[in-house]
Each structure stands twice: as C-alpha cells, then as structure tokens.
Amino acid sequence: MTSSHGSRPRHLSSSPFAPATEQVVEVFEVGDRVCHDLYGLGVVTALDTHAVTVDFGEQSVRIKPPYAKLQHL
C-alpha cells in the first residue's frame, strides 16, 4: 500500500512531533565558484544527473547530492 505522499506517512495534527521538512537540494551550474568544508575553494566543471564535479586545483572531486558540505560563493 502506498500513500499519495510517497514513502512518508501522513503527519497527524495531534502528533507531538514536528512534521518532517523537505530537504532542499541546491542547483549548481558549470563555472560556479564553490566552497567545500573539506576540500576548500573550487569551480564546478561538470554536471550530470547524479553529481557535480568540482575542480579544487590539485584534484577534481565528484560530489553527490544533497551537497551538504558544498556552498555557493
């Protein structure tokens, strides 16, 4: 049995717990300057449906969504 909300059950108004928030995935474009918590400053060099490739100077790293440690500059 599936619900209309996907895999999450419906939130009841009488529940003492806060409803789950939808996770926002950032959108990047080729050429965007970014900062990563581990790798530092970089430039987005490639995009595909499942990841972005970022050039950090010494290395290029493929990073998968939700891009938790990657921020636009």
PDB file of N, CA and C in Angstrom:
ATOM      1  N   MET A   1       0.838  -1.176   0.000  1.00  0.00           N
ATOM      2  CA  MET A   1       0.000   0.000   0.000  1.00  0.00           C
ATOM      3  C   MET A   1       0.883   1.238   0.000  1.00  0.00           C
ATOM      4  N   THR A   2       0.659   2.145  -0.912  1.00  0.00           N
ATOM      5  CA  THR A   2       1.428   3.374  -0.979  1.00  0.00           C
ATOM      6  C   THR A   2       0.510   4.565  -0.750  1.00  0.00           C
ATOM      7  N   SER A   3       1.075   5.619  -0.183  1.00  0.00           N
ATOM      8  CA  SER A   3       0.285   6.824   0.044  1.00  0.00           C
ATOM      9  C   SER A   3       0.570   7.825  -1.066  1.00  0.00           C
ATOM     10  N   SER A   4      -0.229   8.885  -1.110  1.00  0.00           N
ATOM     11  CA  SER A   4      -0.026   9.906  -2.123  1.00  0.00           C
ATOM     12  C   SER A   4       1.175  10.792  -1.813  1.00  0.00           C
ATOM     13  N   HIS A   5       1.729  10.688  -0.609  1.00  0.00           N
ATOM     14  CA  HIS A   5       2.870  11.492  -0.193  1.00  0.00           C
ATOM     15  C   HIS A   5       4.188  10.758  -0.376  1.00  0.00           C
ATOM     16  N   GLY A   6       4.211   9.709  -1.145  1.00  0.00           N
ATOM     17  CA  GLY A   6       5.444   8.945  -1.341  1.00  0.00           C
ATOM     18  C   GLY A   6       5.614   7.920  -0.238  1.00  0.00           C
ATOM     19  N   SER A   7       6.824   7.802   0.314  1.00  0.00           N
ATOM     20  CA  SER A   7       7.079   6.777   1.307  1.00  0.00           C
ATOM     21  C   SER A   7       6.845   7.265   2.737  1.00  0.00           C
ATOM     22  N   ARG A   8       6.586   8.549   2.911  1.00  0.00           N
ATOM     23  CA  ARG A   8       6.356   9.076   4.260  1.00  0.00           C
ATOM     24  C   ARG A   8       4.894   8.953   4.648  1.00  0.00           C
ATOM     25  N   PRO A   9       4.623   8.561   5.901  1.00  0.00           N
ATOM     26  CA  PRO A   9       3.233   8.540   6.353  1.00  0.00           C
ATOM     27  C   PRO A   9       2.722   9.959   6.562  1.00  0.00           C
ATOM     28  N   ARG A  10       1.425  10.109   6.558  1.00  0.00           N
ATOM     29  CA  ARG A  10       0.806  11.415   6.750  1.00  0.00           C
ATOM     30  C   ARG A  10       1.056  11.905   8.166  1.00  0.00           C
ATOM     31  N   HIS A  11       1.327  13.195   8.322  1.00  0.00           N
ATOM     32  CA  HIS A  11       1.553  13.782   9.640  1.00  0.00           C
ATOM     33  C   HIS A  11       0.203  14.106  10.266  1.00  0.00           C
ATOM     34  N   LEU A  12      -0.013  13.613  11.483  1.00  0.00           N
ATOM     35  CA  LEU A  12      -1.267  13.879  12.179  1.00  0.00           C
ATOM     36  C   LEU A  12      -1.170  15.187  12.944  1.00  0.00           C
ATOM     37  N   SER A  13      -2.212  15.990  12.923  1.00  0.00           N
ATOM     38  CA  SER A  13      -2.202  17.276  13.613  1.00  0.00           C
ATOM     39  C   SER A  13      -2.111  17.109  15.125  1.00  0.00           C
ATOM     40  N   SER A  14      -2.497  15.960  15.644  1.00  0.00           N
ATOM     41  CA  SER A  14      -2.437  15.719  17.086  1.00  0.00           C
ATOM     42  C   SER A  14      -1.072  15.186  17.542  1.00  0.00           C
ATOM     43  N   SER A  15      -0.150  14.985  16.608  1.00  0.00           N
ATOM     44  CA  SER A  15       1.163  14.449  16.935  1.00  0.00           C
ATOM     45  C   SER A  15       1.993  15.478  17.693  1.00  0.00           C
ATOM     46  N   PRO A  16       2.723  15.037  18.725  1.00  0.00           N
ATOM     47  CA  PRO A  16       3.581  15.968  19.463  1.00  0.00           C
ATOM     48  C   PRO A  16       4.901  16.266  18.729  1.00  0.00           C
ATOM     49  N   PHE A  17       5.157  15.559  17.646  1.00  0.00           N
ATOM     50  CA  PHE A  17       6.394  15.728  16.893  1.00  0.00           C
ATOM     51  C   PHE A  17       6.185  16.682  15.724  1.00  0.00           C
ATOM     52  N   ALA A  18       7.228  17.425  15.396  1.00  0.00           N
ATOM     53  CA  ALA A  18       7.158  18.347  14.264  1.00  0.00           C
ATOM     54  C   ALA A  18       7.155  17.550  12.966  1.00  0.00           C
ATOM     55  N   PRO A  19       6.446  18.040  11.952  1.00  0.00           N
ATOM     56  CA  PRO A  19       6.455  17.317  10.662  1.00  0.00           C
ATOM     57  C   PRO A  19       7.840  17.372  10.038  1.00  0.00           C
ATOM     58  N   ALA A  20       8.162  16.349   9.284  1.00  0.00           N
ATOM     59  CA  ALA A  20       9.459  16.290   8.603  1.00  0.00           C
ATOM     60  C   ALA A  20       9.495  17.352   7.513  1.00  0.00           C
ATOM     61  N   THR A  21      10.615  18.047   7.411  1.00  0.00           N
ATOM     62  CA  THR A  21      10.757  19.072   6.386  1.00  0.00           C
ATOM     63  C   THR A  21      11.360  18.457   5.129  1.00  0.00           C
ATOM     64  N   GLU A  22      10.976  18.988   3.988  1.00  0.00           N
ATOM     65  CA  GLU A  22      11.537  18.527   2.730  1.00  0.00           C
ATOM     66  C   GLU A  22      12.960  19.044   2.601  1.00  0.00           C
ATOM     67  N   GLN A  23      13.869  18.198   2.173  1.00  0.00           N
ATOM     68  CA  GLN A  23      15.263  18.580   2.024  1.00  0.00           C
ATOM     69  C   GLN A  23      15.439  19.318   0.698  1.00  0.00           C
ATOM     70  N   VAL A  24      16.032  20.506   0.761  1.00  0.00           N
ATOM     71  CA  VAL A  24      16.236  21.316  -0.430  1.00  0.00           C
ATOM     72  C   VAL A  24      17.609  20.992  -1.016  1.00  0.00           C
ATOM     73  N   VAL A  25      17.632  20.628  -2.287  1.00  0.00           N
ATOM     74  CA  VAL A  25      18.881  20.316  -2.969  1.00  0.00           C
ATOM     75  C   VAL A  25      19.262  21.527  -3.812  1.00  0.00           C
ATOM     76  N   GLU A  26      20.466  22.047  -3.597  1.00  0.00           N
ATOM     77  CA  GLU A  26      20.919  23.216  -4.343  1.00  0.00           C
ATOM     78  C   GLU A  26      21.151  22.871  -5.806  1.00  0.00           C
ATOM     79  N   VAL A  27      21.048  23.883  -6.652  1.00  0.00           N
ATOM     80  CA  VAL A  27      21.281  23.718  -8.088  1.00  0.00           C
ATOM     81  C   VAL A  27      22.582  24.433  -8.425  1.00  0.00           C
ATOM     82  N   PHE A  28      23.480  23.718  -9.089  1.00  0.00           N
ATOM     83  CA  PHE A  28      24.766  24.273  -9.486  1.00  0.00           C
ATOM     84  C   PHE A  28      24.855  24.321 -11.005  1.00  0.00           C
ATOM     85  N   GLU A  29      25.647  25.242 -11.513  1.00  0.00           N
ATOM     86  CA  GLU A  29      25.903  25.374 -12.945  1.00  0.00           C
ATOM     87  C   GLU A  29      27.410  25.266 -13.183  1.00  0.00           C
ATOM     88  N   VAL A  30      27.804  24.871 -14.386  1.00  0.00           N
ATOM     89  CA  VAL A  30      29.222  24.814 -14.737  1.00  0.00           C
ATOM     90  C   VAL A  30      29.791  26.228 -14.634  1.00  0.00           C
ATOM     91  N   GLY A  31      30.930  26.361 -13.956  1.00  0.00           N
ATOM     92  CA  GLY A  31      31.569  27.653 -13.774  1.00  0.00           C
ATOM     93  C   GLY A  31      31.274  28.298 -12.430  1.00  0.00           C
ATOM     94  N   ASP A  32      30.326  27.738 -11.655  1.00  0.00           N
ATOM     95  CA  ASP A  32      30.026  28.286 -10.329  1.00  0.00           C
ATOM     96  C   ASP A  32      31.227  28.123  -9.412  1.00  0.00           C
ATOM     97  N   ARG A  33      31.553  29.176  -8.676  1.00  0.00           N
ATOM     98  CA  ARG A  33      32.600  29.082  -7.655  1.00  0.00           C
ATOM     99  C   ARG A  33      31.946  28.584  -6.381  1.00  0.00           C
ATOM    100  N   VAL A  34      32.577  27.591  -5.755  1.00  0.00           N
ATOM    101  CA  VAL A  34      32.009  26.962  -4.573  1.00  0.00           C
ATOM    102  C   VAL A  34      33.055  26.795  -3.481  1.00  0.00           C
ATOM    103  N   CYS A  35      32.586  26.506  -2.288  1.00  0.00           N
ATOM    104  CA  CYS A  35      33.460  26.213  -1.157  1.00  0.00           C
ATOM    105  C   CYS A  35      32.980  24.919  -0.521  1.00  0.00           C
ATOM    106  N   HIS A  36      33.909  24.010  -0.259  1.00  0.00           N
ATOM    107  CA  HIS A  36      33.609  22.728   0.378  1.00  0.00           C
ATOM    108  C   HIS A  36      34.304  22.693   1.729  1.00  0.00           C
ATOM    109  N   ASP A  37      33.638  22.166   2.746  1.00  0.00           N
ATOM    110  CA  ASP A  37      34.194  22.132   4.097  1.00  0.00           C
ATOM    111  C   ASP A  37      35.508  21.365   4.185  1.00  0.00           C
ATOM    112  N   LEU A  38      35.683  20.342   3.378  1.00  0.00           N
ATOM    113  CA  LEU A  38      36.885  19.512   3.433  1.00  0.00           C
ATOM    114  C   LEU A  38      37.927  19.923   2.388  1.00  0.00           C
ATOM    115  N   TYR A  39      37.493  20.210   1.146  1.00  0.00           N
ATOM    116  CA  TYR A  39      38.415  20.448   0.041  1.00  0.00           C
ATOM    117  C   TYR A  39      38.756  21.921  -0.174  1.00  0.00           C
ATOM    118  N   GLY A  40      37.946  22.848   0.311  1.00  0.00           N
ATOM    119  CA  GLY A  40      38.213  24.276   0.159  1.00  0.00           C
ATOM    120  C   GLY A  40      37.516  24.881  -1.042  1.00  0.00           C
ATOM    121  N   LEU A  41      38.175  25.867  -1.686  1.00  0.00           N
ATOM    122  CA  LEU A  41      37.596  26.596  -2.813  1.00  0.00           C
ATOM    123  C   LEU A  41      37.735  25.813  -4.105  1.00  0.00           C
ATOM    124  N   GLY A  42      36.711  25.909  -4.956  1.00  0.00           N
ATOM    125  CA  GLY A  42      36.757  25.201  -6.226  1.00  0.00           C
ATOM    126  C   GLY A  42      35.790  25.785  -7.229  1.00  0.00           C
ATOM    127  N   VAL A  43      35.802  25.200  -8.427  1.00  0.00           N
ATOM    128  CA  VAL A  43      34.933  25.616  -9.527  1.00  0.00           C
ATOM    129  C   VAL A  43      34.233  24.383 -10.072  1.00  0.00           C
ATOM    130  N   VAL A  44      32.929  24.481 -10.304  1.00  0.00           N
ATOM    131  CA  VAL A  44      32.162  23.375 -10.876  1.00  0.00           C
ATOM    132  C   VAL A  44      32.571  23.217 -12.332  1.00  0.00           C
ATOM    133  N   THR A  45      33.019  22.009 -12.694  1.00  0.00           N
ATOM    134  CA  THR A  45      33.487  21.763 -14.056  1.00  0.00           C
ATOM    135  C   THR A  45      32.555  20.876 -14.867  1.00  0.00           C
ATOM    136  N   ALA A  46      31.730  20.083 -14.204  1.00  0.00           N
ATOM    137  CA  ALA A  46      30.824  19.186 -14.926  1.00  0.00           C
ATOM    138  C   ALA A  46      29.598  18.888 -14.081  1.00  0.00           C
ATOM    139  N   LEU A  47      28.498  18.624 -14.772  1.00  0.00           N
ATOM    140  CA  LEU A  47      27.235  18.257 -14.132  1.00  0.00           C
ATOM    141  C   LEU A  47      26.710  16.989 -14.767  1.00  0.00           C
ATOM    142  N   ASP A  48      26.090  16.157 -13.963  1.00  0.00           N
ATOM    143  CA  ASP A  48      25.292  15.066 -14.514  1.00  0.00           C
ATOM    144  C   ASP A  48      24.090  14.886 -13.599  1.00  0.00           C
ATOM    145  N   THR A  49      23.260  13.921 -13.876  1.00  0.00           N
ATOM    146  CA  THR A  49      22.017  13.786 -13.119  1.00  0.00           C
ATOM    147  C   THR A  49      22.220  13.357 -11.677  1.00  0.00           C
ATOM    148  N   HIS A  50      23.381  12.774 -11.354  1.00  0.00           N
ATOM    149  CA  HIS A  50      23.582  12.240 -10.015  1.00  0.00           C
ATOM    150  C   HIS A  50      24.699  12.901  -9.228  1.00  0.00           C
ATOM    151  N   ALA A  51      25.406  13.893  -9.787  1.00  0.00           N
ATOM    152  CA  ALA A  51      26.529  14.507  -9.082  1.00  0.00           C
ATOM    153  C   ALA A  51      27.039  15.731  -9.817  1.00  0.00           C
ATOM    154  N   VAL A  52      27.890  16.487  -9.119  1.00  0.00           N
ATOM    155  CA  VAL A  52      28.635  17.572  -9.759  1.00  0.00           C
ATOM    156  C   VAL A  52      30.110  17.260  -9.604  1.00  0.00           C
ATOM    157  N   THR A  53      30.920  17.666 -10.580  1.00  0.00           N
ATOM    158  CA  THR A  53      32.363  17.508 -10.489  1.00  0.00           C
ATOM    159  C   THR A  53      32.951  18.887 -10.240  1.00  0.00           C
ATOM    160  N   VAL A  54      33.773  18.979  -9.193  1.00  0.00           N
ATOM    161  CA  VAL A  54      34.351  20.256  -8.798  1.00  0.00           C
ATOM    162  C   VAL A  54      35.866  20.151  -8.850  1.00  0.00           C
ATOM    163  N   ASP A  55      36.512  21.139  -9.491  1.00  0.00           N
ATOM    164  CA  ASP A  55      37.971  21.210  -9.563  1.00  0.00           C
ATOM    165  C   ASP A  55      38.457  22.064  -8.402  1.00  0.00           C
ATOM    166  N   PHE A  56      39.231  21.452  -7.505  1.00  0.00           N
ATOM    167  CA  PHE A  56      39.772  22.147  -6.347  1.00  0.00           C
ATOM    168  C   PHE A  56      41.248  22.494  -6.533  1.00  0.00           C
ATOM    169  N   GLY A  57      41.711  22.559  -7.767  1.00  0.00           N
ATOM    170  CA  GLY A  57      43.099  22.888  -8.059  1.00  0.00           C
ATOM    171  C   GLY A  57      43.965  21.650  -8.145  1.00  0.00           C
ATOM    172  N   GLU A  58      44.234  21.006  -7.042  1.00  0.00           N
ATOM    173  CA  GLU A  58      45.085  19.808  -7.028  1.00  0.00           C
ATOM    174  C   GLU A  58      44.330  18.542  -7.403  1.00  0.00           C
ATOM    175  N   GLN A  59      42.996  18.581  -7.252  1.00  0.00           N
ATOM    176  CA  GLN A  59      42.211  17.390  -7.556  1.00  0.00           C
ATOM    177  C   GLN A  59      40.804  17.782  -7.981  1.00  0.00           C
ATOM    178  N   SER A  60      40.172  16.902  -8.746  1.00  0.00           N
ATOM    179  CA  SER A  60      38.762  17.059  -9.098  1.00  0.00           C
ATOM    180  C   SER A  60      37.991  16.006  -8.321  1.00  0.00           C
ATOM    181  N   VAL A  61      36.885  16.434  -7.741  1.00  0.00           N
ATOM    182  CA  VAL A  61      36.089  15.545  -6.897  1.00  0.00           C
ATOM    183  C   VAL A  61      34.649  15.533  -7.398  1.00  0.00           C
ATOM    184  N   ARG A  62      34.070  14.335  -7.490  1.00  0.00           N
ATOM    185  CA  ARG A  62      32.664  14.170  -7.870  1.00  0.00           C
ATOM    186  C   ARG A  62      31.858  14.117  -6.571  1.00  0.00           C
ATOM    187  N   ILE A  63      30.926  15.053  -6.412  1.00  0.00           N
ATOM    188  CA  ILE A  63      30.154  15.178  -5.175  1.00  0.00           C
ATOM    189  C   ILE A  63      28.685  14.904  -5.474  1.00  0.00           C
ATOM    190  N   LYS A  64      28.093  14.013  -4.672  1.00  0.00           N
ATOM    191  CA  LYS A  64      26.697  13.615  -4.858  1.00  0.00           C
ATOM    192  C   LYS A  64      25.769  14.473  -4.002  1.00  0.00           C
ATOM    193  N   PRO A  65      24.500  14.607  -4.422  1.00  0.00           N
ATOM    194  CA  PRO A  65      23.534  15.364  -3.621  1.00  0.00           C
ATOM    195  C   PRO A  65      23.316  14.697  -2.276  1.00  0.00           C
ATOM    196  N   PRO A  66      22.942  15.379  -1.255  1.00  0.00           N
ATOM    197  CA  PRO A  66      22.375  16.723  -1.194  1.00  0.00           C
ATOM    198  C   PRO A  66      23.401  17.828  -1.035  1.00  0.00           C
ATOM    199  N   TYR A  67      24.643  17.612  -1.324  1.00  0.00           N
ATOM    200  CA  TYR A  67      25.699  18.633  -1.296  1.00  0.00           C
ATOM    201  C   TYR A  67      25.778  19.329   0.056  1.00  0.00           C
ATOM    202  N   ALA A  68      25.739  18.567   1.138  1.00  0.00           N
ATOM    203  CA  ALA A  68      25.681  19.128   2.480  1.00  0.00           C
ATOM    204  C   ALA A  68      26.873  20.028   2.814  1.00  0.00           C
ATOM    205  N   LYS A  69      28.055  19.703   2.317  1.00  0.00           N
ATOM    206  CA  LYS A  69      29.262  20.480   2.660  1.00  0.00           C
ATOM    207  C   LYS A  69      29.690  21.420   1.544  1.00  0.00           C
ATOM    208  N   LEU A  70      28.853  21.611   0.533  1.00  0.00           N
ATOM    209  CA  LEU A  70      29.197  22.423  -0.618  1.00  0.00           C
ATOM    210  C   LEU A  70      28.298  23.651  -0.664  1.00  0.00           C
ATOM    211  N   GLN A  71      28.911  24.840  -0.759  1.00  0.00           N
ATOM    212  CA  GLN A  71      28.140  26.077  -0.774  1.00  0.00           C
ATOM    213  C   GLN A  71      28.588  26.975  -1.919  1.00  0.00           C
ATOM    214  N   HIS A  72      27.631  27.730  -2.468  1.00  0.00           N
ATOM    215  CA  HIS A  72      27.956  28.738  -3.488  1.00  0.00           C
ATOM    216  C   HIS A  72      28.760  29.870  -2.863  1.00  0.00           C
ATOM    217  N   LEU A  73      29.601  30.495  -3.652  1.00  0.00           N
ATOM    218  CA  LEU A  73      30.294  31.706  -3.209  1.00  0.00           C
ATOM    219  C   LEU A  73      29.667  32.916  -3.868  1.00  0.00           C
TER     220      LEU A  73
END
